[in-house]
């Protein structure tokens, strides 16, 4: 299977009908927190990742127009974002295109809602930024990554890399 593109996507907030005014989504960057290691026995220095600890992550949703569906983004409450994608892949063995599902599930808090600019005959170019507390990445029905900042979970391909940290902390 050769991955070609995202054929289409839909975004759901708090399990409500999908948000049709979204033009695109900028997914979070997964970046480990690090500390510089240097000293005796090391030629120079290097950055050591703090296993399981990720830096602040943001999801950005870009809007074409302001609609009633945005009301949950203005509330000072946690929000659940369920982004579902239809991946277009090419099966070179059978010489045909197929669709495989992928999903990004996020729980977090809205940090801001720039309302964009207004111009005659143009979209708003508005956006919403969400701080990510929980993230799950699925491809074709399989969980590839699950990260839960508050519950000390960092799983990749079914392996919980934070299990020993929780154990050491008595959690």
N, C-alpha and C. Protein backbone atom coordinates (compact mmCIF):
# COMPACT_ATOMS: atom_id res chain seq x y z
N UNK A 1 0.83 -1.18 0.00
CA UNK A 1 0.00 0.00 0.00
C UNK A 1 0.88 1.25 0.00
N UNK A 2 0.71 2.07 -0.99
CA UNK A 2 1.48 3.30 -1.10
C UNK A 2 0.58 4.47 -0.67
N UNK A 3 0.94 5.19 0.41
CA UNK A 3 0.11 6.31 0.86
C UNK A 3 0.17 7.47 -0.13
N UNK A 4 -1.01 7.97 -0.54
CA UNK A 4 -1.04 9.07 -1.51
C UNK A 4 -1.41 10.41 -0.85
N UNK A 5 -2.55 10.45 -0.12
CA UNK A 5 -2.99 11.72 0.45
C UNK A 5 -4.18 11.50 1.39
N UNK A 6 -4.54 12.58 2.06
CA UNK A 6 -5.79 12.59 2.84
C UNK A 6 -6.89 12.92 1.84
N UNK A 7 -7.79 11.98 1.60
CA UNK A 7 -8.87 12.21 0.65
C UNK A 7 -9.87 13.21 1.21
N UNK A 8 -10.20 13.08 2.51
CA UNK A 8 -11.12 14.01 3.16
C UNK A 8 -10.99 13.85 4.67
N UNK A 9 -11.55 14.78 5.41
CA UNK A 9 -11.53 14.68 6.87
C UNK A 9 -12.75 15.37 7.45
N UNK A 10 -13.06 15.00 8.67
CA UNK A 10 -14.16 15.61 9.44
C UNK A 10 -13.67 15.80 10.86
N UNK A 11 -14.19 16.85 11.50
CA UNK A 11 -13.82 17.15 12.88
C UNK A 11 -15.09 17.24 13.71
N UNK A 12 -15.06 16.58 14.88
CA UNK A 12 -16.18 16.58 15.81
C UNK A 12 -15.69 17.16 17.14
N UNK A 13 -16.50 18.01 17.76
CA UNK A 13 -16.15 18.57 19.07
C UNK A 13 -17.18 18.12 20.08
N UNK A 14 -16.72 17.56 21.18
CA UNK A 14 -17.59 17.11 22.28
C UNK A 14 -18.71 16.20 21.80
N UNK A 15 -18.40 15.31 20.87
CA UNK A 15 -19.33 14.30 20.34
C UNK A 15 -20.57 14.89 19.67
N UNK A 16 -20.47 16.10 19.18
CA UNK A 16 -21.58 16.75 18.46
C UNK A 16 -21.37 16.57 16.96
N UNK A 17 -22.37 16.95 16.16
CA UNK A 17 -22.21 16.84 14.69
C UNK A 17 -20.94 17.56 14.22
N UNK A 18 -20.44 17.12 13.08
CA UNK A 18 -19.14 17.63 12.64
C UNK A 18 -19.14 19.12 12.35
N UNK A 19 -17.95 19.70 12.44
CA UNK A 19 -17.73 21.13 12.24
C UNK A 19 -17.40 21.36 10.77
N UNK A 20 -18.37 21.85 10.03
CA UNK A 20 -18.20 21.97 8.58
C UNK A 20 -17.45 23.22 8.16
N UNK A 21 -17.22 24.17 9.05
CA UNK A 21 -16.54 25.41 8.68
C UNK A 21 -15.02 25.34 8.77
N UNK A 22 -14.47 24.16 9.09
CA UNK A 22 -13.02 24.04 9.23
C UNK A 22 -12.36 23.88 7.86
N UNK A 23 -11.31 24.65 7.62
CA UNK A 23 -10.58 24.53 6.36
C UNK A 23 -9.44 23.53 6.48
N UNK A 24 -8.76 23.54 7.64
CA UNK A 24 -7.69 22.57 7.88
C UNK A 24 -7.36 22.53 9.36
N UNK A 25 -6.55 21.56 9.73
CA UNK A 25 -6.11 21.40 11.12
C UNK A 25 -4.60 21.25 11.14
N UNK A 26 -3.96 21.97 12.04
CA UNK A 26 -2.52 21.85 12.23
C UNK A 26 -2.31 21.00 13.48
N UNK A 27 -1.85 19.77 13.28
CA UNK A 27 -1.73 18.80 14.36
C UNK A 27 -0.54 19.14 15.26
N UNK A 28 -0.58 18.66 16.52
CA UNK A 28 0.48 18.98 17.47
C UNK A 28 1.84 18.39 17.07
N UNK A 29 2.89 19.04 17.54
CA UNK A 29 4.24 18.54 17.38
C UNK A 29 4.59 17.74 18.63
N UNK A 30 5.06 16.52 18.43
CA UNK A 30 5.48 15.67 19.55
C UNK A 30 6.96 15.89 19.77
N UNK A 31 7.29 16.60 20.84
CA UNK A 31 8.69 16.93 21.10
C UNK A 31 9.00 16.64 22.57
N UNK A 32 9.94 15.73 22.79
CA UNK A 32 10.32 15.38 24.15
C UNK A 32 10.99 16.55 24.86
N UNK A 33 10.73 16.66 26.15
CA UNK A 33 11.48 17.59 26.98
C UNK A 33 12.90 17.02 27.08
N UNK A 34 13.90 17.90 27.10
CA UNK A 34 15.28 17.43 27.14
C UNK A 34 16.08 18.21 28.18
N UNK A 35 17.22 17.65 28.49
CA UNK A 35 18.19 18.30 29.37
C UNK A 35 19.57 18.04 28.77
N UNK A 36 20.42 19.04 28.81
CA UNK A 36 21.78 18.89 28.30
C UNK A 36 22.61 18.10 29.29
N UNK A 37 23.28 17.07 28.78
CA UNK A 37 24.15 16.23 29.60
C UNK A 37 25.60 16.53 29.21
N UNK A 38 26.41 16.84 30.21
CA UNK A 38 27.85 17.04 29.97
C UNK A 38 28.59 16.72 31.25
N UNK A 39 29.88 16.65 31.18
CA UNK A 39 30.67 16.37 32.37
C UNK A 39 31.75 15.35 32.09
N UNK A 40 32.38 14.88 33.17
CA UNK A 40 33.47 13.91 33.05
C UNK A 40 32.98 12.65 32.36
N UNK A 41 33.79 12.12 31.45
CA UNK A 41 33.46 10.88 30.75
C UNK A 41 32.70 11.10 29.47
N UNK A 42 32.39 12.36 29.12
CA UNK A 42 31.66 12.65 27.89
C UNK A 42 32.46 13.66 27.08
N UNK A 43 32.70 13.34 25.84
CA UNK A 43 33.38 14.27 24.94
C UNK A 43 32.34 15.23 24.39
N UNK A 44 32.24 16.39 24.97
CA UNK A 44 31.24 17.37 24.56
C UNK A 44 29.97 17.25 25.38
N UNK A 45 28.85 17.38 24.72
CA UNK A 45 27.56 17.31 25.40
C UNK A 45 26.50 16.81 24.44
N UNK A 46 25.37 16.42 25.01
CA UNK A 46 24.23 16.01 24.17
C UNK A 46 22.93 16.30 24.90
N UNK A 47 21.86 16.30 24.15
CA UNK A 47 20.52 16.50 24.70
C UNK A 47 19.92 15.13 24.99
N UNK A 48 19.51 14.91 26.24
CA UNK A 48 18.89 13.64 26.64
C UNK A 48 17.39 13.86 26.81
N UNK A 49 16.57 13.08 26.10
CA UNK A 49 15.12 13.23 26.28
C UNK A 49 14.68 12.71 27.65
N UNK A 50 13.68 13.36 28.20
CA UNK A 50 13.06 12.93 29.45
C UNK A 50 11.94 11.97 29.05
N UNK A 51 12.21 10.68 29.09
CA UNK A 51 11.30 9.66 28.55
C UNK A 51 9.85 9.88 28.99
N UNK A 52 8.98 9.91 28.01
CA UNK A 52 7.55 10.03 28.27
C UNK A 52 7.06 11.44 28.49
N UNK A 53 7.95 12.39 28.71
CA UNK A 53 7.54 13.78 28.98
C UNK A 53 7.63 14.60 27.70
N UNK A 54 6.49 15.08 27.24
CA UNK A 54 6.45 15.89 26.04
C UNK A 54 6.26 17.37 26.39
N UNK A 55 6.85 18.22 25.57
CA UNK A 55 6.65 19.66 25.74
C UNK A 55 5.18 19.99 25.46
N UNK A 56 4.79 21.20 25.79
CA UNK A 56 3.45 21.68 25.51
C UNK A 56 3.11 21.42 24.04
N UNK A 57 1.89 20.94 23.79
CA UNK A 57 1.46 20.64 22.42
C UNK A 57 0.20 21.43 22.12
N UNK A 58 0.11 21.92 20.89
CA UNK A 58 -1.04 22.70 20.47
C UNK A 58 -1.67 22.09 19.22
N UNK A 59 -3.00 22.13 19.18
CA UNK A 59 -3.77 21.80 17.99
C UNK A 59 -4.35 23.11 17.50
N UNK A 60 -4.22 23.38 16.21
CA UNK A 60 -4.80 24.60 15.65
C UNK A 60 -5.82 24.23 14.59
N UNK A 61 -7.04 24.71 14.77
CA UNK A 61 -8.11 24.50 13.80
C UNK A 61 -8.35 25.82 13.09
N UNK A 62 -8.28 25.82 11.78
CA UNK A 62 -8.50 27.03 10.99
C UNK A 62 -9.92 27.00 10.41
N UNK A 63 -10.59 28.15 10.50
CA UNK A 63 -12.01 28.27 10.15
C UNK A 63 -12.20 29.12 8.90
N UNK A 64 -13.21 28.78 8.15
CA UNK A 64 -13.62 29.57 6.99
C UNK A 64 -14.60 30.66 7.41
N UNK A 65 -15.54 30.27 8.26
CA UNK A 65 -16.57 31.21 8.75
C UNK A 65 -16.90 30.89 10.20
N UNK A 66 -17.45 31.84 10.89
CA UNK A 66 -17.90 31.64 12.26
C UNK A 66 -19.32 31.09 12.21
N UNK A 67 -19.57 29.98 12.93
CA UNK A 67 -20.88 29.34 12.94
C UNK A 67 -21.29 28.99 14.36
N UNK A 68 -22.52 28.53 14.54
CA UNK A 68 -23.02 28.12 15.86
C UNK A 68 -22.23 26.94 16.42
N UNK A 69 -21.64 26.13 15.55
CA UNK A 69 -20.89 24.96 16.02
C UNK A 69 -19.65 25.34 16.84
N UNK A 70 -19.25 26.59 16.78
CA UNK A 70 -18.06 27.04 17.50
C UNK A 70 -18.31 27.36 18.97
N UNK A 71 -19.55 27.30 19.42
CA UNK A 71 -19.89 27.73 20.77
C UNK A 71 -19.06 27.02 21.85
N UNK A 72 -18.77 25.72 21.66
CA UNK A 72 -17.99 24.99 22.66
C UNK A 72 -16.55 25.51 22.77
N UNK A 73 -16.06 26.16 21.74
CA UNK A 73 -14.70 26.68 21.76
C UNK A 73 -14.58 27.99 22.54
N UNK A 74 -15.69 28.60 22.87
CA UNK A 74 -15.68 29.86 23.64
C UNK A 74 -15.87 29.62 25.13
N UNK A 75 -16.25 28.40 25.51
CA UNK A 75 -16.49 28.08 26.92
C UNK A 75 -15.17 27.80 27.65
N UNK A 76 -15.06 28.23 28.91
CA UNK A 76 -13.85 27.93 29.68
C UNK A 76 -13.90 26.52 30.28
N UNK A 77 -14.04 25.53 29.41
CA UNK A 77 -14.16 24.14 29.82
C UNK A 77 -13.25 23.27 28.96
N UNK A 78 -13.01 22.05 29.40
CA UNK A 78 -12.24 21.11 28.58
C UNK A 78 -13.02 20.80 27.31
N UNK A 79 -12.28 20.44 26.29
CA UNK A 79 -12.93 20.12 25.02
C UNK A 79 -12.33 18.83 24.46
N UNK A 80 -13.18 18.08 23.79
CA UNK A 80 -12.77 16.84 23.13
C UNK A 80 -12.87 17.06 21.63
N UNK A 81 -11.77 16.83 20.93
CA UNK A 81 -11.73 16.98 19.48
C UNK A 81 -11.46 15.61 18.87
N UNK A 82 -12.31 15.19 17.97
CA UNK A 82 -12.17 13.91 17.28
C UNK A 82 -12.03 14.20 15.79
N UNK A 83 -10.81 14.07 15.29
CA UNK A 83 -10.52 14.35 13.89
C UNK A 83 -10.37 13.02 13.16
N UNK A 84 -11.23 12.81 12.18
CA UNK A 84 -11.24 11.55 11.44
C UNK A 84 -10.87 11.81 9.99
N UNK A 85 -9.96 10.97 9.48
CA UNK A 85 -9.45 11.17 8.14
C UNK A 85 -9.65 9.93 7.28
N UNK A 86 -9.86 10.15 6.00
CA UNK A 86 -9.92 9.07 5.01
C UNK A 86 -8.63 9.16 4.20
N UNK A 87 -7.73 8.22 4.44
CA UNK A 87 -6.45 8.20 3.73
C UNK A 87 -6.60 7.48 2.40
N UNK A 88 -6.12 8.10 1.36
CA UNK A 88 -6.13 7.46 0.05
C UNK A 88 -4.80 6.77 -0.15
N UNK A 89 -4.85 5.46 -0.40
CA UNK A 89 -3.63 4.67 -0.62
C UNK A 89 -3.76 3.93 -1.95
N UNK A 90 -2.61 3.62 -2.53
CA UNK A 90 -2.61 2.89 -3.79
C UNK A 90 -2.04 1.50 -3.56
N UNK A 91 -2.82 0.51 -3.90
CA UNK A 91 -2.42 -0.88 -3.79
C UNK A 91 -1.77 -1.27 -5.12
N UNK A 92 -0.43 -1.24 -5.16
CA UNK A 92 0.28 -1.50 -6.42
C UNK A 92 0.17 -2.95 -6.87
N UNK A 93 -0.06 -3.86 -5.94
CA UNK A 93 -0.21 -5.27 -6.31
C UNK A 93 -1.51 -5.49 -7.09
N UNK A 94 -2.61 -4.90 -6.59
CA UNK A 94 -3.92 -5.05 -7.24
C UNK A 94 -4.25 -3.90 -8.19
N UNK A 95 -3.36 -2.91 -8.25
CA UNK A 95 -3.52 -1.76 -9.15
C UNK A 95 -4.83 -1.02 -8.94
N UNK A 96 -5.11 -0.69 -7.67
CA UNK A 96 -6.31 0.09 -7.40
C UNK A 96 -6.11 0.94 -6.14
N UNK A 97 -6.91 1.97 -6.04
CA UNK A 97 -6.86 2.84 -4.87
C UNK A 97 -7.82 2.32 -3.81
N UNK A 98 -7.41 2.51 -2.57
CA UNK A 98 -8.24 2.12 -1.44
C UNK A 98 -8.26 3.24 -0.42
N UNK A 99 -9.17 3.12 0.54
CA UNK A 99 -9.29 4.11 1.61
C UNK A 99 -9.04 3.42 2.94
N UNK A 100 -8.15 4.01 3.74
CA UNK A 100 -7.91 3.51 5.08
C UNK A 100 -8.19 4.64 6.06
N UNK A 101 -8.82 4.32 7.19
CA UNK A 101 -9.15 5.38 8.16
C UNK A 101 -7.98 5.70 9.09
N UNK A 102 -7.93 6.94 9.49
CA UNK A 102 -7.04 7.32 10.58
C UNK A 102 -7.79 8.33 11.45
N UNK A 103 -7.30 8.49 12.68
CA UNK A 103 -8.03 9.30 13.65
C UNK A 103 -7.04 9.92 14.62
N UNK A 104 -7.31 11.17 14.98
CA UNK A 104 -6.57 11.84 16.04
C UNK A 104 -7.62 12.29 17.05
N UNK A 105 -7.51 11.79 18.28
CA UNK A 105 -8.43 12.14 19.36
C UNK A 105 -7.66 12.98 20.36
N UNK A 106 -8.21 14.14 20.69
CA UNK A 106 -7.53 15.08 21.58
C UNK A 106 -8.50 15.56 22.65
N UNK A 107 -7.99 15.64 23.89
CA UNK A 107 -8.69 16.31 24.98
C UNK A 107 -7.78 17.45 25.41
N UNK A 108 -8.36 18.62 25.65
CA UNK A 108 -7.54 19.75 26.05
C UNK A 108 -8.36 20.95 26.43
N UNK A 109 -7.70 22.09 26.44
CA UNK A 109 -8.35 23.36 26.78
C UNK A 109 -8.08 24.37 25.69
N UNK A 110 -9.09 25.15 25.37
CA UNK A 110 -8.94 26.19 24.36
C UNK A 110 -8.09 27.32 24.94
N UNK A 111 -7.08 27.72 24.18
CA UNK A 111 -6.20 28.81 24.60
C UNK A 111 -6.56 30.14 23.96
N UNK A 112 -7.13 30.08 22.77
CA UNK A 112 -7.47 31.33 22.09
C UNK A 112 -8.29 31.11 20.85
N UNK A 113 -8.98 32.18 20.46
CA UNK A 113 -9.84 32.16 19.29
C UNK A 113 -9.66 33.45 18.49
N UNK A 114 -8.56 33.62 17.79
CA UNK A 114 -8.46 34.81 16.94
C UNK A 114 -9.59 34.78 15.91
N UNK A 115 -10.38 35.83 15.85
CA UNK A 115 -11.55 35.84 14.98
C UNK A 115 -11.22 36.14 13.52
N UNK A 116 -9.97 36.44 13.23
CA UNK A 116 -9.55 36.62 11.85
C UNK A 116 -9.86 37.99 11.31
N UNK A 117 -9.80 38.11 10.01
CA UNK A 117 -10.10 39.38 9.37
C UNK A 117 -11.36 39.24 8.53
N UNK A 118 -12.01 40.35 8.30
CA UNK A 118 -13.24 40.37 7.51
C UNK A 118 -12.98 41.18 6.24
N UNK A 119 -13.28 40.56 5.11
CA UNK A 119 -13.16 41.25 3.82
C UNK A 119 -14.29 40.77 2.92
N UNK A 120 -14.84 41.67 2.15
CA UNK A 120 -15.95 41.35 1.26
C UNK A 120 -15.60 40.19 0.34
N UNK A 121 -16.48 39.17 0.33
CA UNK A 121 -16.29 38.02 -0.55
C UNK A 121 -15.19 37.07 -0.12
N UNK A 122 -14.74 37.17 1.12
CA UNK A 122 -13.63 36.34 1.60
C UNK A 122 -14.00 35.60 2.88
N UNK A 123 -13.30 34.50 3.16
CA UNK A 123 -13.54 33.81 4.43
C UNK A 123 -12.94 34.62 5.59
N UNK A 124 -13.34 34.28 6.81
CA UNK A 124 -12.82 34.97 8.00
C UNK A 124 -11.34 34.75 8.22
N UNK A 125 -10.84 33.57 7.89
CA UNK A 125 -9.48 33.17 8.22
C UNK A 125 -9.28 33.19 9.73
N UNK A 126 -10.27 32.69 10.45
CA UNK A 126 -10.23 32.60 11.91
C UNK A 126 -9.61 31.27 12.33
N UNK A 127 -9.30 31.14 13.62
CA UNK A 127 -8.71 29.90 14.11
C UNK A 127 -8.99 29.70 15.58
N UNK A 128 -8.72 28.49 16.04
CA UNK A 128 -8.81 28.14 17.46
C UNK A 128 -7.56 27.35 17.81
N UNK A 129 -6.98 27.66 18.97
CA UNK A 129 -5.81 26.93 19.43
C UNK A 129 -6.16 26.19 20.71
N UNK A 130 -5.84 24.89 20.73
CA UNK A 130 -6.17 24.02 21.86
C UNK A 130 -4.88 23.45 22.45
N UNK A 131 -4.71 23.59 23.77
CA UNK A 131 -3.61 22.94 24.48
C UNK A 131 -3.98 21.47 24.65
N UNK A 132 -3.07 20.57 24.30
CA UNK A 132 -3.35 19.14 24.29
C UNK A 132 -2.91 18.51 25.61
N UNK A 133 -3.87 17.86 26.29
CA UNK A 133 -3.58 17.10 27.51
C UNK A 133 -3.55 15.60 27.23
N UNK A 134 -4.37 15.18 26.27
CA UNK A 134 -4.50 13.77 25.91
C UNK A 134 -4.50 13.67 24.40
N UNK A 135 -3.79 12.68 23.87
CA UNK A 135 -3.73 12.49 22.43
C UNK A 135 -3.70 11.00 22.11
N UNK A 136 -4.53 10.60 21.18
CA UNK A 136 -4.50 9.22 20.67
C UNK A 136 -4.46 9.29 19.15
N UNK A 137 -3.52 8.54 18.58
CA UNK A 137 -3.36 8.48 17.14
C UNK A 137 -3.64 7.06 16.69
N UNK A 138 -4.62 6.91 15.79
CA UNK A 138 -4.99 5.59 15.28
C UNK A 138 -4.82 5.57 13.77
N UNK A 139 -4.42 4.42 13.26
CA UNK A 139 -4.35 4.22 11.82
C UNK A 139 -4.91 2.84 11.49
N UNK A 140 -5.91 2.85 10.64
CA UNK A 140 -6.55 1.61 10.17
C UNK A 140 -7.01 0.73 11.34
N UNK A 141 -7.57 1.35 12.36
CA UNK A 141 -8.13 0.63 13.50
C UNK A 141 -7.13 0.28 14.59
N UNK A 142 -5.86 0.59 14.39
CA UNK A 142 -4.82 0.25 15.37
C UNK A 142 -4.32 1.52 16.07
N UNK A 143 -4.22 1.45 17.41
CA UNK A 143 -3.68 2.58 18.16
C UNK A 143 -2.17 2.58 18.02
N UNK A 144 -1.66 3.64 17.42
CA UNK A 144 -0.22 3.78 17.22
C UNK A 144 0.42 4.47 18.42
N UNK A 145 -0.27 5.49 18.95
CA UNK A 145 0.27 6.31 20.03
C UNK A 145 -0.87 6.73 20.94
N UNK A 146 -0.62 6.66 22.25
CA UNK A 146 -1.56 7.21 23.23
C UNK A 146 -0.75 7.94 24.28
N UNK A 147 -1.08 9.20 24.50
CA UNK A 147 -0.36 10.04 25.46
C UNK A 147 -1.38 10.72 26.37
N UNK A 148 -1.23 10.51 27.67
CA UNK A 148 -2.11 11.12 28.66
C UNK A 148 -1.23 11.80 29.70
N UNK A 149 -1.12 13.09 29.57
CA UNK A 149 -0.23 13.89 30.39
C UNK A 149 -0.52 13.77 31.89
N UNK A 150 -1.78 13.77 32.27
CA UNK A 150 -2.16 13.76 33.69
C UNK A 150 -2.18 12.38 34.33
N UNK A 151 -2.25 11.34 33.52
CA UNK A 151 -2.30 9.98 34.05
C UNK A 151 -1.04 9.17 33.76
N UNK A 152 0.02 9.85 33.37
CA UNK A 152 1.33 9.22 33.17
C UNK A 152 1.26 8.04 32.19
N UNK A 153 0.66 8.27 31.03
CA UNK A 153 0.59 7.22 30.02
C UNK A 153 1.31 7.70 28.76
N UNK A 154 2.25 6.91 28.30
CA UNK A 154 2.92 7.13 27.03
C UNK A 154 3.08 5.76 26.37
N UNK A 155 2.12 5.42 25.49
CA UNK A 155 2.11 4.12 24.82
C UNK A 155 2.38 4.29 23.34
N UNK A 156 3.25 3.43 22.83
CA UNK A 156 3.52 3.39 21.41
C UNK A 156 3.42 1.93 20.98
N UNK A 157 2.55 1.67 20.02
CA UNK A 157 2.37 0.33 19.48
C UNK A 157 2.06 -0.69 20.58
N UNK A 158 1.25 -0.28 21.56
CA UNK A 158 0.83 -1.16 22.63
C UNK A 158 1.79 -1.28 23.81
N UNK A 159 2.97 -0.70 23.69
CA UNK A 159 3.94 -0.75 24.79
C UNK A 159 3.82 0.52 25.61
N UNK A 160 3.57 0.37 26.91
CA UNK A 160 3.42 1.51 27.81
C UNK A 160 4.79 1.86 28.39
N UNK A 161 5.43 2.86 27.80
CA UNK A 161 6.77 3.27 28.21
C UNK A 161 6.78 4.02 29.55
N UNK A 162 5.62 4.38 30.07
CA UNK A 162 5.55 5.07 31.36
C UNK A 162 5.17 4.14 32.50
N UNK A 163 4.97 2.87 32.24
CA UNK A 163 4.54 1.93 33.28
C UNK A 163 5.55 1.90 34.44
N UNK A 164 6.84 1.86 34.13
CA UNK A 164 7.85 1.79 35.19
C UNK A 164 7.96 3.12 35.95
N UNK A 165 7.67 4.22 35.28
CA UNK A 165 7.66 5.52 35.97
C UNK A 165 6.50 5.55 36.97
N UNK A 166 5.31 5.11 36.53
CA UNK A 166 4.15 5.07 37.44
C UNK A 166 4.45 4.16 38.63
N UNK A 167 5.05 3.00 38.35
CA UNK A 167 5.39 2.07 39.40
C UNK A 167 6.37 2.69 40.40
N UNK A 168 7.39 3.36 39.91
CA UNK A 168 8.38 3.99 40.77
C UNK A 168 7.77 5.08 41.63
N UNK A 169 6.73 5.73 41.12
CA UNK A 169 6.07 6.83 41.83
C UNK A 169 4.92 6.33 42.72
N UNK A 170 4.65 5.03 42.69
CA UNK A 170 3.58 4.48 43.50
C UNK A 170 2.20 4.79 42.95
N UNK A 171 2.11 4.97 41.65
CA UNK A 171 0.82 5.28 41.01
C UNK A 171 0.14 4.03 40.48
